[in-house]
Amino acid sequence: MAFVDDLVEQAECLLEQEKAGRPRQASLRRAVSAAYYSVFHETIDQAVRSILLGEQTSSKLRSRLERTITHGAVKQAATWITTKNTPLVFKDILSSSPPGQDLKTLCSSLIVLQNQRHRAD
């Protein structure tokens, strides 16, 4: 996804330009924010692909579906995947198809980055 790649590149550029001297807080905070948004948007993209089951759909429908997914909902789902505090209805789903380590790592990273983004803001 080009937008996600652009956000990662932006975060890396902000950090790279600050390596030579004392890092500016504004650059560090923007880098954290860009890193978070890259993970957030990649997560949404993958979720929408799963919901649509790879069907070819209009970009308008895809865009509307993407916009229904909130930061809070993504964090809540990530928390359910990484902790034992999962609602019963999702425990059945997760026990029949347990999340892999890659998904757990992604969810943990998303939670940490979202918390850091809030601190940076």
N, C-alpha and C. Protein backbone atom coordinates (compact mmCIF):
# COMPACT_ATOMS: atom_id res chain seq x y z
N MET A 1 0.85 -1.17 0.00
CA MET A 1 0.00 0.00 0.00
C MET A 1 0.90 1.24 0.00
N ALA A 2 0.77 2.05 -1.00
CA ALA A 2 1.66 3.20 -1.19
C ALA A 2 1.61 4.18 -0.02
N PHE A 3 0.42 4.47 0.49
CA PHE A 3 0.27 5.43 1.58
C PHE A 3 1.01 4.95 2.82
N VAL A 4 0.87 3.68 3.14
CA VAL A 4 1.55 3.10 4.31
C VAL A 4 3.06 3.20 4.13
N ASP A 5 3.54 2.87 2.94
CA ASP A 5 4.97 2.96 2.66
C ASP A 5 5.47 4.40 2.79
N ASP A 6 4.66 5.35 2.33
CA ASP A 6 5.02 6.76 2.45
C ASP A 6 5.14 7.19 3.91
N LEU A 7 4.24 6.70 4.75
CA LEU A 7 4.29 7.04 6.17
C LEU A 7 5.55 6.47 6.84
N VAL A 8 5.89 5.24 6.49
CA VAL A 8 7.10 4.63 7.04
C VAL A 8 8.33 5.43 6.58
N GLU A 9 8.35 5.77 5.31
CA GLU A 9 9.47 6.56 4.78
C GLU A 9 9.57 7.92 5.48
N GLN A 10 8.42 8.53 5.72
CA GLN A 10 8.42 9.82 6.41
C GLN A 10 9.00 9.69 7.82
N ALA A 11 8.59 8.67 8.54
CA ALA A 11 9.11 8.45 9.90
C ALA A 11 10.62 8.23 9.87
N GLU A 12 11.07 7.42 8.92
CA GLU A 12 12.51 7.16 8.81
C GLU A 12 13.29 8.43 8.47
N CYS A 13 12.76 9.24 7.56
CA CYS A 13 13.43 10.49 7.18
C CYS A 13 13.52 11.45 8.36
N LEU A 14 12.45 11.54 9.12
CA LEU A 14 12.45 12.43 10.28
C LEU A 14 13.51 12.00 11.30
N LEU A 15 13.62 10.70 11.51
CA LEU A 15 14.62 10.20 12.46
C LEU A 15 16.03 10.34 11.91
N GLU A 16 16.21 10.07 10.64
CA GLU A 16 17.53 10.14 10.01
C GLU A 16 18.10 11.55 10.08
N GLN A 17 17.28 12.53 9.79
CA GLN A 17 17.78 13.92 9.80
C GLN A 17 18.14 14.39 11.19
N GLU A 18 17.65 13.71 12.21
CA GLU A 18 17.91 14.12 13.58
C GLU A 18 19.08 13.37 14.21
N LYS A 19 19.64 12.39 13.54
CA LYS A 19 20.71 11.59 14.13
C LYS A 19 21.99 12.39 14.37
N ALA A 20 22.24 13.37 13.53
CA ALA A 20 23.50 14.10 13.60
C ALA A 20 23.64 14.92 14.89
N GLY A 21 22.57 15.44 15.38
CA GLY A 21 22.66 16.29 16.56
C GLY A 21 21.62 15.92 17.59
N ARG A 22 21.31 16.89 18.39
CA ARG A 22 20.29 16.67 19.41
C ARG A 22 18.92 16.64 18.73
N PRO A 23 18.18 15.55 18.85
CA PRO A 23 16.91 15.44 18.14
C PRO A 23 15.90 16.50 18.60
N ARG A 24 15.21 17.06 17.65
CA ARG A 24 14.14 18.00 17.97
C ARG A 24 12.90 17.21 18.34
N GLN A 25 12.22 17.66 19.37
CA GLN A 25 11.01 16.98 19.84
C GLN A 25 9.95 16.91 18.75
N ALA A 26 9.82 17.97 17.97
CA ALA A 26 8.80 17.97 16.91
C ALA A 26 9.05 16.85 15.91
N SER A 27 10.30 16.63 15.53
CA SER A 27 10.62 15.57 14.57
C SER A 27 10.37 14.19 15.17
N LEU A 28 10.76 14.02 16.42
CA LEU A 28 10.55 12.73 17.08
C LEU A 28 9.05 12.43 17.22
N ARG A 29 8.30 13.43 17.60
CA ARG A 29 6.85 13.23 17.77
C ARG A 29 6.17 12.93 16.44
N ARG A 30 6.58 13.62 15.38
CA ARG A 30 5.99 13.37 14.07
C ARG A 30 6.38 11.97 13.57
N ALA A 31 7.59 11.54 13.89
CA ALA A 31 8.03 10.19 13.49
C ALA A 31 7.18 9.12 14.18
N VAL A 32 6.92 9.30 15.47
CA VAL A 32 6.07 8.35 16.21
C VAL A 32 4.67 8.33 15.60
N SER A 33 4.14 9.50 15.31
CA SER A 33 2.80 9.59 14.74
C SER A 33 2.74 8.91 13.37
N ALA A 34 3.73 9.17 12.53
CA ALA A 34 3.76 8.55 11.20
C ALA A 34 3.88 7.03 11.30
N ALA A 35 4.70 6.56 12.24
CA ALA A 35 4.85 5.11 12.43
C ALA A 35 3.53 4.49 12.87
N TYR A 36 2.85 5.14 13.81
CA TYR A 36 1.56 4.62 14.27
C TYR A 36 0.57 4.56 13.10
N TYR A 37 0.45 5.66 12.37
CA TYR A 37 -0.53 5.70 11.29
C TYR A 37 -0.22 4.68 10.20
N SER A 38 1.04 4.38 9.99
CA SER A 38 1.36 3.35 8.99
C SER A 38 0.84 1.99 9.45
N VAL A 39 1.02 1.66 10.71
CA VAL A 39 0.52 0.38 11.24
C VAL A 39 -1.01 0.38 11.25
N PHE A 40 -1.61 1.49 11.67
CA PHE A 40 -3.07 1.60 11.72
C PHE A 40 -3.68 1.40 10.34
N HIS A 41 -3.17 2.09 9.34
CA HIS A 41 -3.74 1.98 8.00
C HIS A 41 -3.49 0.61 7.36
N GLU A 42 -2.36 0.01 7.65
CA GLU A 42 -2.11 -1.34 7.15
C GLU A 42 -3.07 -2.33 7.79
N THR A 43 -3.33 -2.15 9.08
CA THR A 43 -4.28 -3.02 9.79
C THR A 43 -5.67 -2.88 9.19
N ILE A 44 -6.09 -1.65 8.94
CA ILE A 44 -7.40 -1.43 8.34
C ILE A 44 -7.47 -2.06 6.95
N ASP A 45 -6.43 -1.88 6.16
CA ASP A 45 -6.40 -2.46 4.82
C ASP A 45 -6.57 -3.97 4.88
N GLN A 46 -5.84 -4.61 5.78
CA GLN A 46 -5.93 -6.07 5.89
C GLN A 46 -7.30 -6.50 6.41
N ALA A 47 -7.87 -5.74 7.34
CA ALA A 47 -9.20 -6.07 7.86
C ALA A 47 -10.25 -5.97 6.76
N VAL A 48 -10.20 -4.91 5.97
CA VAL A 48 -11.16 -4.73 4.89
C VAL A 48 -11.00 -5.84 3.85
N ARG A 49 -9.78 -6.21 3.55
CA ARG A 49 -9.56 -7.32 2.61
C ARG A 49 -10.21 -8.60 3.14
N SER A 50 -10.08 -8.84 4.45
CA SER A 50 -10.67 -10.03 5.05
C SER A 50 -12.20 -9.97 5.02
N ILE A 51 -12.75 -8.80 5.32
CA ILE A 51 -14.20 -8.65 5.32
C ILE A 51 -14.76 -8.86 3.92
N LEU A 52 -14.10 -8.31 2.93
CA LEU A 52 -14.58 -8.41 1.55
C LEU A 52 -14.17 -9.73 0.89
N LEU A 53 -13.38 -10.53 1.58
CA LEU A 53 -12.94 -11.83 1.10
C LEU A 53 -12.32 -11.77 -0.30
N GLY A 54 -11.56 -10.71 -0.52
CA GLY A 54 -10.84 -10.57 -1.78
C GLY A 54 -11.71 -10.22 -2.96
N GLU A 55 -13.02 -9.97 -2.72
CA GLU A 55 -13.90 -9.62 -3.83
C GLU A 55 -13.50 -8.28 -4.43
N GLN A 56 -13.67 -8.17 -5.73
CA GLN A 56 -13.45 -6.89 -6.40
C GLN A 56 -14.63 -6.00 -6.07
N THR A 57 -14.36 -4.88 -5.44
CA THR A 57 -15.44 -3.96 -5.09
C THR A 57 -15.04 -2.56 -5.53
N SER A 58 -16.02 -1.71 -5.57
CA SER A 58 -15.74 -0.34 -5.96
C SER A 58 -14.86 0.33 -4.91
N SER A 59 -14.07 1.26 -5.34
CA SER A 59 -13.22 1.98 -4.39
C SER A 59 -14.07 2.80 -3.44
N LYS A 60 -15.27 3.19 -3.87
CA LYS A 60 -16.17 3.96 -3.00
C LYS A 60 -16.63 3.09 -1.82
N LEU A 61 -17.03 1.85 -2.09
CA LEU A 61 -17.45 0.94 -1.03
C LEU A 61 -16.28 0.64 -0.11
N ARG A 62 -15.13 0.35 -0.69
CA ARG A 62 -13.94 0.05 0.10
C ARG A 62 -13.59 1.23 1.01
N SER A 63 -13.62 2.43 0.46
CA SER A 63 -13.30 3.64 1.22
C SER A 63 -14.28 3.83 2.38
N ARG A 64 -15.55 3.63 2.12
CA ARG A 64 -16.55 3.78 3.19
C ARG A 64 -16.36 2.76 4.29
N LEU A 65 -16.06 1.55 3.90
CA LEU A 65 -15.83 0.50 4.89
C LEU A 65 -14.59 0.82 5.73
N GLU A 66 -13.54 1.27 5.07
CA GLU A 66 -12.32 1.63 5.80
C GLU A 66 -12.58 2.73 6.83
N ARG A 67 -13.44 3.68 6.48
CA ARG A 67 -13.72 4.81 7.37
C ARG A 67 -14.60 4.45 8.55
N THR A 68 -15.21 3.27 8.51
CA THR A 68 -16.04 2.85 9.65
C THR A 68 -15.20 2.27 10.78
N ILE A 69 -13.97 1.93 10.48
CA ILE A 69 -13.10 1.32 11.49
C ILE A 69 -12.38 2.43 12.26
N THR A 70 -12.61 2.48 13.55
CA THR A 70 -12.06 3.56 14.36
C THR A 70 -10.78 3.13 15.07
N HIS A 71 -10.04 4.13 15.53
CA HIS A 71 -8.82 3.87 16.29
C HIS A 71 -9.13 3.06 17.54
N GLY A 72 -10.21 3.42 18.22
CA GLY A 72 -10.60 2.70 19.44
C GLY A 72 -10.95 1.25 19.17
N ALA A 73 -11.67 1.01 18.08
CA ALA A 73 -12.05 -0.37 17.74
C ALA A 73 -10.84 -1.21 17.40
N VAL A 74 -9.89 -0.63 16.68
CA VAL A 74 -8.67 -1.36 16.32
C VAL A 74 -7.88 -1.69 17.59
N LYS A 75 -7.77 -0.72 18.49
CA LYS A 75 -7.03 -0.97 19.73
C LYS A 75 -7.73 -2.03 20.57
N GLN A 76 -9.07 -1.98 20.63
CA GLN A 76 -9.82 -2.97 21.41
C GLN A 76 -9.60 -4.37 20.85
N ALA A 77 -9.68 -4.51 19.53
CA ALA A 77 -9.46 -5.81 18.91
C ALA A 77 -8.03 -6.29 19.15
N ALA A 78 -7.07 -5.38 19.06
CA ALA A 78 -5.67 -5.74 19.31
C ALA A 78 -5.49 -6.20 20.76
N THR A 79 -6.18 -5.54 21.67
CA THR A 79 -6.10 -5.92 23.09
C THR A 79 -6.69 -7.31 23.30
N TRP A 80 -7.81 -7.60 22.64
CA TRP A 80 -8.41 -8.93 22.77
C TRP A 80 -7.48 -10.01 22.25
N ILE A 81 -6.75 -9.72 21.20
CA ILE A 81 -5.86 -10.72 20.61
C ILE A 81 -4.62 -10.94 21.48
N THR A 82 -4.19 -9.90 22.18
CA THR A 82 -2.94 -10.01 22.95
C THR A 82 -3.13 -10.30 24.43
N THR A 83 -4.37 -10.31 24.90
CA THR A 83 -4.61 -10.58 26.33
C THR A 83 -5.64 -11.69 26.50
N LYS A 84 -5.89 -12.01 27.72
CA LYS A 84 -6.89 -13.05 28.04
C LYS A 84 -8.27 -12.44 28.28
N ASN A 85 -8.41 -11.12 28.16
CA ASN A 85 -9.67 -10.43 28.45
C ASN A 85 -10.55 -10.33 27.20
N THR A 86 -10.74 -11.43 26.53
CA THR A 86 -11.51 -11.46 25.30
C THR A 86 -12.96 -11.80 25.62
N PRO A 87 -13.92 -11.06 25.02
CA PRO A 87 -15.33 -11.42 25.22
C PRO A 87 -15.59 -12.85 24.77
N LEU A 88 -16.51 -13.50 25.42
CA LEU A 88 -16.80 -14.91 25.17
C LEU A 88 -17.07 -15.20 23.69
N VAL A 89 -17.82 -14.35 23.03
CA VAL A 89 -18.15 -14.59 21.62
C VAL A 89 -16.89 -14.64 20.75
N PHE A 90 -15.88 -13.85 21.10
CA PHE A 90 -14.64 -13.86 20.32
C PHE A 90 -13.69 -14.96 20.78
N LYS A 91 -13.82 -15.40 22.03
CA LYS A 91 -12.97 -16.50 22.51
C LYS A 91 -13.21 -17.74 21.66
N ASP A 92 -14.47 -18.01 21.32
CA ASP A 92 -14.78 -19.17 20.48
C ASP A 92 -14.11 -19.06 19.12
N ILE A 93 -14.17 -17.87 18.54
CA ILE A 93 -13.55 -17.67 17.22
C ILE A 93 -12.04 -17.81 17.31
N LEU A 94 -11.45 -17.16 18.32
CA LEU A 94 -10.00 -17.20 18.46
C LEU A 94 -9.48 -18.58 18.85
N SER A 95 -10.28 -19.35 19.60
CA SER A 95 -9.82 -20.68 19.97
C SER A 95 -9.89 -21.64 18.79
N SER A 96 -10.85 -21.45 17.88
CA SER A 96 -10.93 -22.33 16.72
C SER A 96 -9.90 -21.95 15.66
N SER A 97 -9.47 -20.70 15.66
CA SER A 97 -8.46 -20.24 14.72
C SER A 97 -7.54 -19.26 15.46
N PRO A 98 -6.64 -19.80 16.29
CA PRO A 98 -5.82 -18.92 17.11
C PRO A 98 -4.93 -18.01 16.29
N PRO A 99 -4.78 -16.76 16.75
CA PRO A 99 -3.93 -15.83 16.02
C PRO A 99 -2.47 -16.28 16.05
N GLY A 100 -1.80 -16.10 14.94
CA GLY A 100 -0.39 -16.45 14.87
C GLY A 100 0.48 -15.42 15.55
N GLN A 101 1.75 -15.74 15.67
CA GLN A 101 2.68 -14.83 16.35
C GLN A 101 2.82 -13.51 15.61
N ASP A 102 2.77 -13.53 14.28
CA ASP A 102 2.87 -12.28 13.51
C ASP A 102 1.74 -11.33 13.86
N LEU A 103 0.51 -11.87 13.97
CA LEU A 103 -0.63 -11.03 14.31
C LEU A 103 -0.52 -10.52 15.74
N LYS A 104 -0.07 -11.35 16.64
CA LYS A 104 0.11 -10.91 18.03
C LYS A 104 1.15 -9.80 18.12
N THR A 105 2.23 -9.94 17.37
CA THR A 105 3.28 -8.92 17.36
C THR A 105 2.74 -7.61 16.78
N LEU A 106 1.99 -7.71 15.68
CA LEU A 106 1.38 -6.52 15.08
C LEU A 106 0.46 -5.84 16.08
N CYS A 107 -0.37 -6.61 16.75
CA CYS A 107 -1.32 -6.04 17.71
C CYS A 107 -0.59 -5.38 18.88
N SER A 108 0.43 -6.02 19.39
CA SER A 108 1.22 -5.43 20.48
C SER A 108 1.86 -4.12 20.03
N SER A 109 2.41 -4.12 18.84
CA SER A 109 3.05 -2.92 18.30
C SER A 109 2.04 -1.80 18.13
N LEU A 110 0.87 -2.15 17.63
CA LEU A 110 -0.17 -1.14 17.43
C LEU A 110 -0.56 -0.49 18.76
N ILE A 111 -0.73 -1.28 19.79
CA ILE A 111 -1.10 -0.74 21.11
C ILE A 111 -0.01 0.18 21.63
N VAL A 112 1.23 -0.25 21.57
CA VAL A 112 2.35 0.57 22.04
C VAL A 112 2.44 1.86 21.24
N LEU A 113 2.37 1.75 19.92
CA LEU A 113 2.48 2.94 19.07
C LEU A 113 1.32 3.91 19.30
N GLN A 114 0.11 3.37 19.50
CA GLN A 114 -1.02 4.28 19.75
C GLN A 114 -0.82 5.02 21.07
N ASN A 115 -0.37 4.32 22.09
CA ASN A 115 -0.10 4.98 23.38
C ASN A 115 1.00 6.03 23.23
N GLN A 116 2.05 5.69 22.48
CA GLN A 116 3.13 6.65 22.27
C GLN A 116 2.67 7.84 21.43
N ARG A 117 1.80 7.59 20.46
CA ARG A 117 1.26 8.69 19.66
C ARG A 117 0.46 9.67 20.53
N HIS A 118 -0.33 9.10 21.45
CA HIS A 118 -1.08 9.98 22.36
C HIS A 118 -0.13 10.80 23.23
N ARG A 119 0.93 10.19 23.70
CA ARG A 119 1.93 10.93 24.50
C ARG A 119 2.62 12.00 23.66
N ALA A 120 2.90 11.67 22.40
CA ALA A 120 3.58 12.62 21.52
C ALA A 120 2.69 13.82 21.18
N ASP A 121 1.39 13.55 21.06
CA ASP A 121 0.46 14.64 20.75
C ASP A 121 0.28 15.53 21.96
